[in-house]
Amino acid sequence: MMKTHFKHVWVIALSGVIACTSEQLEPIVDCNSNPILLTISETTDTGCSTSSGGFTVTAIGGEGPYSFSTNANENTTGVFEDMVAGNYVVTATDQNGCSGETQVSIENLDGVNLDEVTVTNAGCGTDNGQVSIAVSGGAEPYAYRLNSGEPQSESLFSNLSKGTHEVSVSDQLGCEVTETVQVLSGVSYAASVKAIIENNCAVSGCHNGSISPNLTTFASIQSKADRIKTRTGNKSMPQGSSLSQSEIDLIACWVEDGARDN
């Protein structure tokens, strides 16, 4: 049976006692040591504007059992049915919260299909995102739509905020294909976030190994990313000092992008 331990460290300042808050010591799983790999099989395309497509996905690595998901469906079997045409990101998550992903395309058999969707980062706190769509098949002209907006003849959407967007294209035959895209801020851990944590949080007498969580490795920082975002956002972290609003925003944007090793 796993035992739970706690560590407590107190930092003394001239103004009084500042508690560098300890947290429960939890085992940190390194998801990169045994990555989850996905394989797609038995892909079935669909008729024009029908939902008769599907595919099967299997996973190895990590620690099963797995849950499988696309943007709109989730199951534990890896079998996806009644799917419309489009490009899908499929994610498998294991019992430790580690995940892997791959992409699969279900095509319209006689209509328009997505060849490529190119996404440009929005920036942190700015709306500089772009989505560009390349399509083929069906009957021109095509109509392009972003989210619930009006159709347009141009295949480029600009001035987008970070977040989830749905793009769709329809042709003159009435066929339609859709894809859900994620516009990221693009904040880099290596270039922006790492130094903030190293210089303010993973310091002597605090989260440099003497107190939990230990924020001296990327794996531990990534596993605590949501907690770091919350505590820096409400300014309860770091203790005894403060971050600029720009630093707080960079951490939040990085976490909201998925706390990637970028």
C-alpha atoms as a PDB file:
ATOM      1  CA  MET A   1       0.000   0.000   0.000  1.00  0.00           C
ATOM      2  CA  MET A   2       1.325   3.427  -0.919  1.00  0.00           C
ATOM      3  CA  LYS A   3       2.034   5.730   1.991  1.00  0.00           C
ATOM      4  CA  THR A   4       1.459   9.444   1.763  1.00  0.00           C
ATOM      5  CA  HIS A   5       4.001  11.820   3.259  1.00  0.00           C
ATOM      6  CA  PHE A   6       4.063  15.562   3.775  1.00  0.00           C
ATOM      7  CA  LYS A   7       6.890  18.022   4.136  1.00  0.00           C
ATOM      8  CA  HIS A   8       6.605  21.450   5.743  1.00  0.00           C
ATOM      9  CA  VAL A   9       9.175  24.242   5.469  1.00  0.00           C
ATOM     10  CA  TRP A  10       8.868  27.707   6.948  1.00  0.00           C
ATOM     11  CA  VAL A  11      10.679  30.709   5.526  1.00  0.00           C
ATOM     12  CA  ILE A  12      11.357  33.507   8.025  1.00  0.00           C
ATOM     13  CA  ALA A  13      11.146  37.074   6.766  1.00  0.00           C
ATOM     14  CA  LEU A  14      11.601  40.387   8.595  1.00  0.00           C
ATOM     15  CA  SER A  15       7.894  41.080   8.300  1.00  0.00           C
ATOM     16  CA  GLY A  16       6.950  37.775   9.913  1.00  0.00           C
ATOM     17  CA  VAL A  17       6.598  34.131   8.998  1.00  0.00           C
ATOM     18  CA  ILE A  18       5.846  33.312   5.388  1.00  0.00           C
ATOM     19  CA  ALA A  19       4.665  29.772   4.771  1.00  0.00           C
ATOM     20  CA  CYS A  20       5.902  28.217   1.550  1.00  0.00           C
ATOM     21  CA  THR A  21       2.823  26.027   1.303  1.00  0.00           C
ATOM     22  CA  SER A  22       3.500  22.305   1.123  1.00  0.00           C
ATOM     23  CA  GLU A  23       1.323  19.909  -0.770  1.00  0.00           C
ATOM     24  CA  GLN A  24       0.794  16.187  -0.658  1.00  0.00           C
ATOM     25  CA  LEU A  25       3.732  14.316  -2.126  1.00  0.00           C
ATOM     26  CA  GLU A  26       2.356  12.338  -5.046  1.00  0.00           C
ATOM     27  CA  PRO A  27       4.206   9.974  -7.347  1.00  0.00           C
ATOM     28  CA  ILE A  28       5.032  11.717 -10.603  1.00  0.00           C
ATOM     29  CA  VAL A  29       4.457   9.647 -13.720  1.00  0.00           C
ATOM     30  CA  ASP A  30       6.838  10.356 -16.583  1.00  0.00           C
ATOM     31  CA  CYS A  31       4.556   9.918 -19.570  1.00  0.00           C
ATOM     32  CA  ASN A  32       7.525  10.112 -21.948  1.00  0.00           C
ATOM     33  CA  SER A  33       9.166   6.985 -20.534  1.00  0.00           C
ATOM     34  CA  ASN A  34       6.484   4.698 -22.000  1.00  0.00           C
ATOM     35  CA  PRO A  35       4.564   6.763 -24.562  1.00  0.00           C
ATOM     36  CA  ILE A  36       1.113   5.802 -25.784  1.00  0.00           C
ATOM     37  CA  LEU A  37       1.082   4.965 -29.493  1.00  0.00           C
ATOM     38  CA  LEU A  38      -2.115   4.712 -31.549  1.00  0.00           C
ATOM     39  CA  THR A  39      -2.904   2.699 -34.674  1.00  0.00           C
ATOM     40  CA  ILE A  40      -5.937   3.331 -36.900  1.00  0.00           C
ATOM     41  CA  SER A  41      -7.569   0.441 -38.745  1.00  0.00           C
ATOM     42  CA  GLU A  42     -10.806  -0.394 -40.543  1.00  0.00           C
ATOM     43  CA  THR A  43     -11.508   3.135 -41.734  1.00  0.00           C
ATOM     44  CA  THR A  44     -14.872   3.492 -43.537  1.00  0.00           C
ATOM     45  CA  ASP A  45     -15.639   6.542 -45.668  1.00  0.00           C
ATOM     46  CA  THR A  46     -19.121   8.007 -45.856  1.00  0.00           C
ATOM     47  CA  GLY A  47     -21.650   8.995 -48.454  1.00  0.00           C
ATOM     48  CA  CYS A  48     -22.236  12.635 -49.247  1.00  0.00           C
ATOM     49  CA  SER A  49     -23.625  14.451 -46.183  1.00  0.00           C
ATOM     50  CA  THR A  50     -24.383  11.232 -44.338  1.00  0.00           C
ATOM     51  CA  SER A  51     -22.982   9.864 -41.082  1.00  0.00           C
ATOM     52  CA  SER A  52     -22.042   6.348 -42.130  1.00  0.00           C
ATOM     53  CA  GLY A  53     -18.260   6.611 -41.684  1.00  0.00           C
ATOM     54  CA  GLY A  54     -16.139   5.130 -38.953  1.00  0.00           C
ATOM     55  CA  PHE A  55     -12.803   3.725 -37.813  1.00  0.00           C
ATOM     56  CA  THR A  56     -11.184   1.596 -35.138  1.00  0.00           C
ATOM     57  CA  VAL A  57      -8.235   2.708 -33.021  1.00  0.00           C
ATOM     58  CA  THR A  58      -5.948   0.597 -30.829  1.00  0.00           C
ATOM     59  CA  ALA A  59      -3.314   1.745 -28.338  1.00  0.00           C
ATOM     60  CA  ILE A  60      -0.124   0.396 -26.798  1.00  0.00           C
ATOM     61  CA  GLY A  61       2.159   1.886 -24.157  1.00  0.00           C
ATOM     62  CA  GLY A  62       1.303   3.707 -20.981  1.00  0.00           C
ATOM     63  CA  GLU A  63      -0.779   1.759 -18.492  1.00  0.00           C
ATOM     64  CA  GLY A  64      -4.212   0.567 -19.588  1.00  0.00           C
ATOM     65  CA  PRO A  65      -7.106   0.485 -19.644  1.00  0.00           C
ATOM     66  CA  TYR A  66      -7.546   3.390 -22.050  1.00  0.00           C
ATOM     67  CA  SER A  67     -10.328   5.791 -22.887  1.00  0.00           C
ATOM     68  CA  PHE A  68     -10.541   6.966 -26.506  1.00  0.00           C
ATOM     69  CA  SER A  69     -11.967  10.280 -27.675  1.00  0.00           C
ATOM     70  CA  THR A  70     -12.419  12.613 -30.604  1.00  0.00           C
ATOM     71  CA  ASN A  71     -13.759  16.151 -30.297  1.00  0.00           C
ATOM     72  CA  ALA A  72     -17.350  14.868 -29.999  1.00  0.00           C
ATOM     73  CA  ASN A  73     -17.226  11.210 -28.961  1.00  0.00           C
ATOM     74  CA  GLU A  74     -15.655   9.151 -26.184  1.00  0.00           C
ATOM     75  CA  ASN A  75     -15.578   5.426 -25.494  1.00  0.00           C
ATOM     76  CA  THR A  76     -13.450   2.650 -24.036  1.00  0.00           C
ATOM     77  CA  THR A  77     -13.590   0.320 -27.050  1.00  0.00           C
ATOM     78  CA  GLY A  78     -11.774   2.374 -29.682  1.00  0.00           C
ATOM     79  CA  VAL A  79     -14.593   1.743 -32.174  1.00  0.00           C
ATOM     80  CA  PHE A  80     -16.124   4.910 -33.657  1.00  0.00           C
ATOM     81  CA  GLU A  81     -19.222   4.711 -35.835  1.00  0.00           C
ATOM     82  CA  ASP A  82     -21.846   7.003 -37.396  1.00  0.00           C
ATOM     83  CA  MET A  83     -19.198   9.608 -38.255  1.00  0.00           C
ATOM     84  CA  VAL A  84     -19.544  12.387 -40.820  1.00  0.00           C
ATOM     85  CA  ALA A  85     -16.749  13.272 -43.233  1.00  0.00           C
ATOM     86  CA  GLY A  86     -13.854  15.202 -41.773  1.00  0.00           C
ATOM     87  CA  ASN A  87     -10.401  15.085 -40.228  1.00  0.00           C
ATOM     88  CA  TYR A  88     -10.334  13.915 -36.612  1.00  0.00           C
ATOM     89  CA  VAL A  89      -7.740  14.009 -33.835  1.00  0.00           C
ATOM     90  CA  VAL A  90      -8.075  10.803 -31.814  1.00  0.00           C
ATOM     91  CA  THR A  91      -6.731  10.726 -28.245  1.00  0.00           C
ATOM     92  CA  ALA A  92      -6.095   7.728 -25.979  1.00  0.00           C
ATOM     93  CA  THR A  93      -5.722   8.410 -22.247  1.00  0.00           C
ATOM     94  CA  ASP A  94      -4.494   5.819 -19.744  1.00  0.00           C
ATOM     95  CA  GLN A  95      -5.253   5.416 -16.044  1.00  0.00           C
ATOM     96  CA  ASN A  96      -2.332   7.692 -15.103  1.00  0.00           C
ATOM     97  CA  GLY A  97      -3.641  10.564 -17.191  1.00  0.00           C
ATOM     98  CA  CYS A  98      -0.966  10.100 -19.869  1.00  0.00           C
ATOM     99  CA  SER A  99      -2.192  10.455 -23.429  1.00  0.00           C
ATOM    100  CA  GLY A 100      -1.224   9.948 -27.036  1.00  0.00           C
ATOM    101  CA  GLU A 101      -2.933  11.104 -30.205  1.00  0.00           C
ATOM    102  CA  THR A 102      -3.115  10.527 -33.923  1.00  0.00           C
ATOM    103  CA  GLN A 103      -5.161  11.797 -36.844  1.00  0.00           C
ATOM    104  CA  VAL A 104      -7.646  10.024 -39.092  1.00  0.00           C
ATOM    105  CA  SER A 105      -9.625  11.194 -42.111  1.00  0.00           C
ATOM    106  CA  ILE A 106     -13.112  10.093 -43.147  1.00  0.00           C
ATOM    107  CA  GLU A 107     -13.837  11.209 -46.694  1.00  0.00           C
ATOM    108  CA  ASN A 108     -16.968  12.045 -48.638  1.00  0.00           C
ATOM    109  CA  LEU A 109     -17.045   9.370 -51.325  1.00  0.00           C
ATOM    110  CA  ASP A 110     -18.373  11.676 -54.051  1.00  0.00           C
ATOM    111  CA  GLY A 111     -18.061  15.176 -52.598  1.00  0.00           C
ATOM    112  CA  VAL A 112     -15.708  17.807 -51.234  1.00  0.00           C
ATOM    113  CA  ASN A 113     -12.902  16.728 -48.891  1.00  0.00           C
ATOM    114  CA  LEU A 114     -10.388  18.507 -46.702  1.00  0.00           C
ATOM    115  CA  ASP A 115      -6.814  18.119 -47.933  1.00  0.00           C
ATOM    116  CA  GLU A 116      -5.057  20.324 -45.389  1.00  0.00           C
ATOM    117  CA  VAL A 117      -5.915  22.714 -42.573  1.00  0.00           C
ATOM    118  CA  THR A 118      -3.119  25.093 -41.528  1.00  0.00           C
ATOM    119  CA  VAL A 119      -3.377  26.829 -38.147  1.00  0.00           C
ATOM    120  CA  THR A 120      -1.366  29.900 -37.083  1.00  0.00           C
ATOM    121  CA  ASN A 121      -0.950  30.700 -33.373  1.00  0.00           C
ATOM    122  CA  ALA A 122      -2.973  33.576 -31.925  1.00  0.00           C
ATOM    123  CA  GLY A 123      -0.369  34.825 -29.427  1.00  0.00           C
ATOM    124  CA  CYS A 124      -0.943  35.313 -25.706  1.00  0.00           C
ATOM    125  CA  GLY A 125      -3.644  37.921 -25.179  1.00  0.00           C
ATOM    126  CA  THR A 126      -3.868  38.755 -28.880  1.00  0.00           C
ATOM    127  CA  ASP A 127      -6.156  37.674 -31.719  1.00  0.00           C
ATOM    128  CA  ASN A 128      -3.587  36.964 -34.410  1.00  0.00           C
ATOM    129  CA  GLY A 129      -4.677  33.404 -35.152  1.00  0.00           C
ATOM    130  CA  GLN A 130      -5.401  32.165 -38.645  1.00  0.00           C
ATOM    131  CA  VAL A 131      -6.914  29.049 -40.201  1.00  0.00           C
ATOM    132  CA  SER A 132      -6.314  28.267 -43.869  1.00  0.00           C
ATOM    133  CA  ILE A 133      -8.161  25.430 -45.620  1.00  0.00           C
ATOM    134  CA  ALA A 134      -7.229  23.454 -48.747  1.00  0.00           C
ATOM    135  CA  VAL A 135      -9.917  21.203 -50.267  1.00  0.00           C
ATOM    136  CA  SER A 136     -10.562  19.068 -53.333  1.00  0.00           C
ATOM    137  CA  GLY A 137     -13.333  17.041 -54.958  1.00  0.00           C
ATOM    138  CA  GLY A 138     -17.014  17.739 -55.303  1.00  0.00           C
ATOM    139  CA  ALA A 139     -18.336  20.609 -57.373  1.00  0.00           C
ATOM    140  CA  GLU A 140     -17.067  24.171 -57.157  1.00  0.00           C
ATOM    141  CA  PRO A 141     -17.562  26.856 -56.021  1.00  0.00           C
ATOM    142  CA  TYR A 142     -17.032  26.006 -52.370  1.00  0.00           C
ATOM    143  CA  ALA A 143     -18.480  27.817 -49.369  1.00  0.00           C
ATOM    144  CA  TYR A 144     -16.305  28.103 -46.255  1.00  0.00           C
ATOM    145  CA  ARG A 145     -17.696  28.656 -42.772  1.00  0.00           C
ATOM    146  CA  LEU A 146     -16.084  29.282 -39.393  1.00  0.00           C
ATOM    147  CA  ASN A 147     -18.104  28.271 -36.334  1.00  0.00           C
ATOM    148  CA  SER A 148     -21.640  29.615 -36.795  1.00  0.00           C
ATOM    149  CA  GLY A 149     -20.592  32.510 -39.035  1.00  0.00           C
ATOM    150  CA  GLU A 150     -21.788  33.316 -42.523  1.00  0.00           C
ATOM    151  CA  PRO A 151     -20.379  31.284 -45.460  1.00  0.00           C
ATOM    152  CA  GLN A 152     -17.598  32.937 -47.455  1.00  0.00           C
ATOM    153  CA  SER A 153     -15.785  32.249 -50.701  1.00  0.00           C
ATOM    154  CA  GLU A 154     -12.309  32.741 -49.183  1.00  0.00           C
ATOM    155  CA  SER A 155     -10.514  29.771 -47.605  1.00  0.00           C
ATOM    156  CA  LEU A 156      -8.640  31.890 -45.025  1.00  0.00           C
ATOM    157  CA  PHE A 157      -9.983  33.004 -41.635  1.00  0.00           C
ATOM    158  CA  SER A 158      -7.999  35.653 -39.736  1.00  0.00           C
ATOM    159  CA  ASN A 159      -8.005  37.607 -36.461  1.00  0.00           C
ATOM    160  CA  LEU A 160      -8.843  34.513 -34.409  1.00  0.00           C
ATOM    161  CA  SER A 161      -8.506  34.189 -30.654  1.00  0.00           C
ATOM    162  CA  LYS A 162      -6.953  31.105 -29.075  1.00  0.00           C
ATOM    163  CA  GLY A 163      -9.402  28.310 -28.434  1.00  0.00           C
ATOM    164  CA  THR A 164     -11.465  25.729 -30.276  1.00  0.00           C
ATOM    165  CA  HIS A 165     -12.981  26.564 -33.661  1.00  0.00           C
ATOM    166  CA  GLU A 166     -14.976  24.512 -36.159  1.00  0.00           C
ATOM    167  CA  VAL A 167     -14.396  24.960 -39.879  1.00  0.00           C
ATOM    168  CA  SER A 168     -16.659  23.514 -42.541  1.00  0.00           C
ATOM    169  CA  VAL A 169     -16.728  23.484 -46.327  1.00  0.00           C
ATOM    170  CA  SER A 170     -19.699  22.700 -48.559  1.00  0.00           C
ATOM    171  CA  ASP A 171     -19.851  22.270 -52.316  1.00  0.00           C
ATOM    172  CA  GLN A 172     -22.562  22.801 -54.926  1.00  0.00           C
ATOM    173  CA  LEU A 173     -23.713  19.185 -54.585  1.00  0.00           C
ATOM    174  CA  GLY A 174     -24.680  19.810 -50.979  1.00  0.00           C
ATOM    175  CA  CYS A 175     -21.787  17.773 -49.577  1.00  0.00           C
ATOM    176  CA  GLU A 176     -20.135  19.140 -46.458  1.00  0.00           C
ATOM    177  CA  VAL A 177     -16.995  18.324 -44.496  1.00  0.00           C
ATOM    178  CA  THR A 178     -16.024  19.700 -41.088  1.00  0.00           C
ATOM    179  CA  GLU A 179     -13.033  19.781 -38.767  1.00  0.00           C
ATOM    180  CA  THR A 180     -12.507  21.055 -35.244  1.00  0.00           C
ATOM    181  CA  VAL A 181      -9.237  22.967 -34.901  1.00  0.00           C
ATOM    182  CA  GLN A 182      -7.373  24.255 -31.876  1.00  0.00           C
ATOM    183  CA  VAL A 183      -5.800  27.696 -32.176  1.00  0.00           C
ATOM    184  CA  LEU A 184      -3.038  27.969 -29.581  1.00  0.00           C
ATOM    185  CA  SER A 185      -1.324  30.973 -28.064  1.00  0.00           C
ATOM    186  CA  GLY A 186       2.041  29.452 -28.947  1.00  0.00           C
ATOM    187  CA  VAL A 187       3.766  30.359 -25.658  1.00  0.00           C
ATOM    188  CA  SER A 188       6.992  28.365 -25.366  1.00  0.00           C
ATOM    189  CA  TYR A 189       7.914  26.617 -22.119  1.00  0.00           C
ATOM    190  CA  ALA A 190      11.635  26.754 -22.897  1.00  0.00           C
ATOM    191  CA  ALA A 191      11.666  30.373 -24.026  1.00  0.00           C
ATOM    192  CA  SER A 192       9.166  31.923 -21.592  1.00  0.00           C
ATOM    193  CA  VAL A 193       7.816  29.790 -18.743  1.00  0.00           C
ATOM    194  CA  LYS A 194      10.873  27.847 -17.568  1.00  0.00           C
ATOM    195  CA  ALA A 195      12.788  30.918 -16.402  1.00  0.00           C
ATOM    196  CA  ILE A 196       9.768  32.323 -14.548  1.00  0.00           C
ATOM    197  CA  ILE A 197       9.411  29.141 -12.484  1.00  0.00           C
ATOM    198  CA  GLU A 198      13.148  28.653 -11.953  1.00  0.00           C
ATOM    199  CA  ASN A 199      13.692  32.218 -10.758  1.00  0.00           C
ATOM    200  CA  ASN A 200      10.594  32.609  -8.605  1.00  0.00           C
ATOM    201  CA  CYS A 201       9.244  29.213  -7.506  1.00  0.00           C
ATOM    202  CA  ALA A 202      11.968  26.553  -7.644  1.00  0.00           C
ATOM    203  CA  VAL A 203      14.181  28.531  -5.264  1.00  0.00           C
ATOM    204  CA  SER A 204      16.038  27.730  -2.069  1.00  0.00           C
ATOM    205  CA  GLY A 205      13.725  26.927   0.839  1.00  0.00           C
ATOM    206  CA  CYS A 206      10.735  26.428  -1.403  1.00  0.00           C
ATOM    207  CA  HIS A 207       9.908  24.248  -4.429  1.00  0.00           C
ATOM    208  CA  ASN A 208      13.509  23.342  -5.273  1.00  0.00           C
ATOM    209  CA  GLY A 209      13.185  19.889  -3.749  1.00  0.00           C
ATOM    210  CA  SER A 210      12.834  20.793  -0.073  1.00  0.00           C
ATOM    211  CA  ILE A 211       9.076  21.220  -0.317  1.00  0.00           C
ATOM    212  CA  SER A 212       6.333  19.561  -2.320  1.00  0.00           C
ATOM    213  CA  PRO A 213       5.776  19.898  -5.168  1.00  0.00           C
ATOM    214  CA  ASN A 214       9.334  19.788  -6.449  1.00  0.00           C
ATOM    215  CA  LEU A 215       9.373  22.163  -9.426  1.00  0.00           C
ATOM    216  CA  THR A 216      12.913  21.490 -10.610  1.00  0.00           C
ATOM    217  CA  THR A 217      11.978  19.102 -13.441  1.00  0.00           C
ATOM    218  CA  PHE A 218       9.693  19.535 -16.409  1.00  0.00           C
ATOM    219  CA  ALA A 219       7.740  16.361 -15.551  1.00  0.00           C
ATOM    220  CA  SER A 220       6.824  17.698 -12.114  1.00  0.00           C
ATOM    221  CA  ILE A 221       5.984  21.148 -13.475  1.00  0.00           C
ATOM    222  CA  GLN A 222       3.784  19.670 -16.189  1.00  0.00           C
ATOM    223  CA  SER A 223       1.964  17.418 -13.700  1.00  0.00           C
ATOM    224  CA  LYS A 224       1.174  20.474 -11.540  1.00  0.00           C
ATOM    225  CA  ALA A 225       0.472  22.857 -14.437  1.00  0.00           C
ATOM    226  CA  ASP A 226      -3.170  23.568 -13.582  1.00  0.00           C
ATOM    227  CA  ARG A 227      -2.286  24.173  -9.929  1.00  0.00           C
ATOM    228  CA  ILE A 228       0.558  26.518 -10.902  1.00  0.00           C
ATOM    229  CA  LYS A 229      -1.795  28.470 -13.175  1.00  0.00           C
ATOM    230  CA  THR A 230      -4.398  28.821 -10.399  1.00  0.00           C
ATOM    231  CA  ARG A 231      -1.962  29.878  -7.693  1.00  0.00           C
ATOM    232  CA  THR A 232       0.018  32.319  -9.829  1.00  0.00           C
ATOM    233  CA  GLY A 233      -3.276  33.699 -11.123  1.00  0.00           C
ATOM    234  CA  ASN A 234      -4.634  34.405  -7.642  1.00  0.00           C
ATOM    235  CA  LYS A 235      -1.153  35.595  -6.537  1.00  0.00           C
ATOM    236  CA  SER A 236      -0.788  33.054  -3.738  1.00  0.00           C
ATOM    237  CA  MET A 237       2.337  31.800  -5.519  1.00  0.00           C
ATOM    238  CA  PRO A 238       5.219  32.501  -5.267  1.00  0.00           C
ATOM    239  CA  GLN A 239       5.296  33.237  -1.547  1.00  0.00           C
ATOM    240  CA  GLY A 240       7.035  36.430  -0.495  1.00  0.00           C
ATOM    241  CA  SER A 241       7.342  37.838  -4.022  1.00  0.00           C
ATOM    242  CA  SER A 242       5.146  38.686  -6.933  1.00  0.00           C
ATOM    243  CA  LEU A 243       5.031  38.063 -10.645  1.00  0.00           C
ATOM    244  CA  SER A 244       4.220  40.702 -13.208  1.00  0.00           C
ATOM    245  CA  GLN A 245       0.874  40.441 -14.950  1.00  0.00           C
ATOM    246  CA  SER A 246       2.745  39.590 -18.145  1.00  0.00           C
ATOM    247  CA  GLU A 247       4.439  36.626 -16.427  1.00  0.00           C
ATOM    248  CA  ILE A 248       1.124  35.439 -14.961  1.00  0.00           C
ATOM    249  CA  ASP A 249      -0.475  35.639 -18.413  1.00  0.00           C
ATOM    250  CA  LEU A 250       2.370  33.703 -20.048  1.00  0.00           C
ATOM    251  CA  ILE A 251       1.980  30.851 -17.544  1.00  0.00           C
ATOM    252  CA  ALA A 252      -1.798  30.788 -18.053  1.00  0.00           C
ATOM    253  CA  CYS A 253      -1.487  30.761 -21.846  1.00  0.00           C
ATOM    254  CA  TRP A 254       1.083  27.957 -21.740  1.00  0.00           C
ATOM    255  CA  VAL A 255      -1.123  25.824 -19.471  1.00  0.00           C
ATOM    256  CA  GLU A 256      -4.217  26.486 -21.599  1.00  0.00           C
ATOM    257  CA  ASP A 257      -2.223  25.359 -24.656  1.00  0.00           C
ATOM    258  CA  GLY A 258      -1.811  21.980 -22.944  1.00  0.00           C
ATOM    259  CA  ALA A 259       1.385  22.556 -20.915  1.00  0.00           C
ATOM    260  CA  ARG A 260       3.483  21.313 -23.807  1.00  0.00           C
ATOM    261  CA  ASP A 261       7.231  20.625 -23.772  1.00  0.00           C
ATOM    262  CA  ASN A 262       7.920  23.265 -26.403  1.00  0.00           C
END
